[in-house]
Amino acid sequence: MSDRYYKKFNINPCGKSVGDCTIRAISLALDQTWETTYIDLCVQGYKMCDMPSANSVWGAYLKRKGFKRNSFPEYLPEDYSVSDFCADNPCGTYILACSGHVVTVVDGIYYDAWNSGSEVPIYYWERRA
């Protein structure tokens, strides 16, 4: 399936694309290396006595980095997708939390190791200006 909003992106130094989507997404959004993001999230997790991939851990990290968490309006359809979000948000940097996946959107393009455009986001983080 082709998606005009998708650009392949995998910053994982070993090319892996399973289990580290949060690190890949945050690395892109913050313009950091995969390694820096991984260590930062491990430290955040250690401080919170939780795993680095826990929503509360990476959420606290993003908040500290100037991001704001947002919910989706109730009027959106239940199948509102990552691609739909891109079409509706052509400017800005966002991190979308889907069920079991995290992906970054920059200026209406989502960057991911695989085409996750049909995934349904649950909430999102927005970089504040």
Protein backbone atom coordinates (compact mmCIF):
# COMPACT_ATOMS: atom_id res chain seq x y z
CA MET A 1 0.00 0.00 0.00
CA SER A 2 1.40 3.37 -1.00
CA ASP A 3 0.93 6.35 1.28
CA ARG A 4 1.90 9.84 0.20
CA TYR A 5 2.36 10.84 3.86
CA TYR A 6 4.92 8.10 4.59
CA LYS A 7 8.70 8.31 4.55
CA LYS A 8 10.80 5.31 5.52
CA PHE A 9 12.96 6.07 8.56
CA ASN A 10 14.97 3.78 10.79
CA ILE A 11 17.64 5.32 12.99
CA ASN A 12 18.31 2.06 14.86
CA PRO A 13 22.07 1.50 14.51
CA CYS A 14 21.56 -2.22 13.77
CA GLY A 15 18.58 -1.67 11.48
CA LYS A 16 16.16 -3.39 13.86
CA SER A 17 12.54 -2.29 13.62
CA VAL A 18 10.77 -4.21 16.38
CA GLY A 19 10.50 -3.14 20.01
CA ASP A 20 12.19 0.24 19.77
CA CYS A 21 9.58 2.39 18.02
CA THR A 22 9.41 4.78 20.97
CA ILE A 23 13.15 5.38 20.81
CA ARG A 24 13.12 5.80 17.02
CA ALA A 25 10.18 8.23 17.17
CA ILE A 26 11.59 10.37 19.98
CA SER A 27 15.06 10.41 18.38
CA LEU A 28 13.60 11.94 15.24
CA ALA A 29 11.36 14.41 17.03
CA LEU A 30 14.23 15.68 19.20
CA ASP A 31 16.96 15.36 16.53
CA GLN A 32 18.98 13.06 18.78
CA THR A 33 20.88 9.86 18.14
CA TRP A 34 19.19 6.55 18.89
CA GLU A 35 21.79 5.89 21.58
CA THR A 36 21.23 9.21 23.37
CA THR A 37 17.48 8.70 23.39
CA TYR A 38 17.81 5.11 24.60
CA ILE A 39 20.07 6.08 27.52
CA ASP A 40 17.93 9.11 28.44
CA LEU A 41 14.80 6.96 28.56
CA CYS A 42 16.60 4.32 30.63
CA VAL A 43 17.62 6.98 33.15
CA GLN A 44 14.06 8.37 33.19
CA GLY A 45 12.74 4.84 33.74
CA TYR A 46 15.23 4.25 36.54
CA LYS A 47 14.13 7.46 38.29
CA MET A 48 10.48 6.41 37.98
CA CYS A 49 11.13 2.70 38.79
CA ASP A 50 9.54 1.67 35.52
CA MET A 51 10.55 0.45 32.07
CA PRO A 52 11.82 2.99 29.50
CA SER A 53 9.02 2.03 27.10
CA ALA A 54 6.25 2.68 29.65
CA ASN A 55 3.92 5.44 28.48
CA SER A 56 4.39 7.31 31.77
CA VAL A 57 8.19 7.23 31.38
CA TRP A 58 8.50 8.47 27.82
CA GLY A 59 5.63 10.87 28.46
CA ALA A 60 7.48 12.44 31.41
CA TYR A 61 10.58 12.66 29.22
CA LEU A 62 8.70 14.42 26.41
CA LYS A 63 7.04 16.82 28.85
CA ARG A 64 10.47 17.74 30.21
CA LYS A 65 11.60 18.33 26.61
CA GLY A 66 8.79 20.81 25.92
CA PHE A 67 6.05 18.60 24.46
CA LYS A 68 2.38 18.76 25.43
CA ARG A 69 0.06 15.75 25.48
CA ASN A 70 -3.25 16.09 23.61
CA SER A 71 -6.36 13.97 23.25
CA PHE A 72 -8.37 13.53 20.08
CA PRO A 73 -11.80 15.15 19.83
CA GLU A 74 -14.77 12.81 20.29
CA TYR A 75 -16.22 13.76 16.89
CA LEU A 76 -13.43 12.05 14.93
CA PRO A 77 -14.31 8.67 13.40
CA GLU A 78 -13.11 5.56 15.22
CA ASP A 79 -10.86 4.65 12.29
CA TYR A 80 -9.08 8.05 12.23
CA SER A 81 -5.59 7.04 11.14
CA VAL A 82 -2.00 8.24 11.22
CA SER A 83 -2.42 9.22 7.54
CA ASP A 84 -5.57 11.18 8.40
CA PHE A 85 -3.65 12.99 11.13
CA CYS A 86 -0.93 13.93 8.63
CA ALA A 87 -3.50 15.34 6.21
CA ASP A 88 -5.01 17.42 9.02
CA ASN A 89 -1.65 18.61 10.43
CA PRO A 90 0.66 19.79 7.64
CA CYS A 91 2.87 21.80 10.02
CA GLY A 92 4.53 20.93 13.30
CA THR A 93 6.20 18.04 15.11
CA TYR A 94 4.05 15.39 16.75
CA ILE A 95 4.53 11.99 18.36
CA LEU A 96 1.50 9.74 17.99
CA ALA A 97 0.77 6.92 20.41
CA CYS A 98 -1.09 4.05 18.81
CA SER A 99 -2.00 0.73 20.38
CA GLY A 100 1.40 -0.93 20.68
CA HIS A 101 3.20 1.54 18.42
CA VAL A 102 4.67 5.07 18.44
CA VAL A 103 5.36 7.18 15.35
CA THR A 104 6.58 10.73 14.65
CA VAL A 105 4.93 13.19 12.27
CA VAL A 106 6.91 16.19 11.03
CA ASP A 107 5.18 18.73 8.81
CA GLY A 108 2.51 16.30 7.62
CA ILE A 109 4.82 13.35 6.94
CA TYR A 110 5.09 10.34 9.23
CA TYR A 111 8.49 8.72 9.55
CA ASP A 112 8.62 5.05 10.42
CA ALA A 113 10.46 1.82 9.70
CA TRP A 114 7.26 0.46 8.14
CA ASN A 115 4.10 1.90 6.62
CA SER A 116 1.99 2.48 9.72
CA GLY A 117 -0.41 4.95 8.09
CA SER A 118 -3.50 2.86 8.83
CA GLU A 119 -2.72 2.63 12.57
CA VAL A 120 -5.19 4.47 14.80
CA PRO A 121 -3.61 6.97 17.20
CA ILE A 122 -4.94 7.07 20.77
CA TYR A 123 -3.33 10.35 21.83
CA TYR A 124 -0.46 12.54 20.67
CA TRP A 125 2.33 14.76 21.91
CA GLU A 126 2.94 18.13 20.26
CA ARG A 127 6.15 20.11 20.35
CA ARG A 128 5.40 23.53 21.74
CA ALA A 129 6.77 26.54 19.87
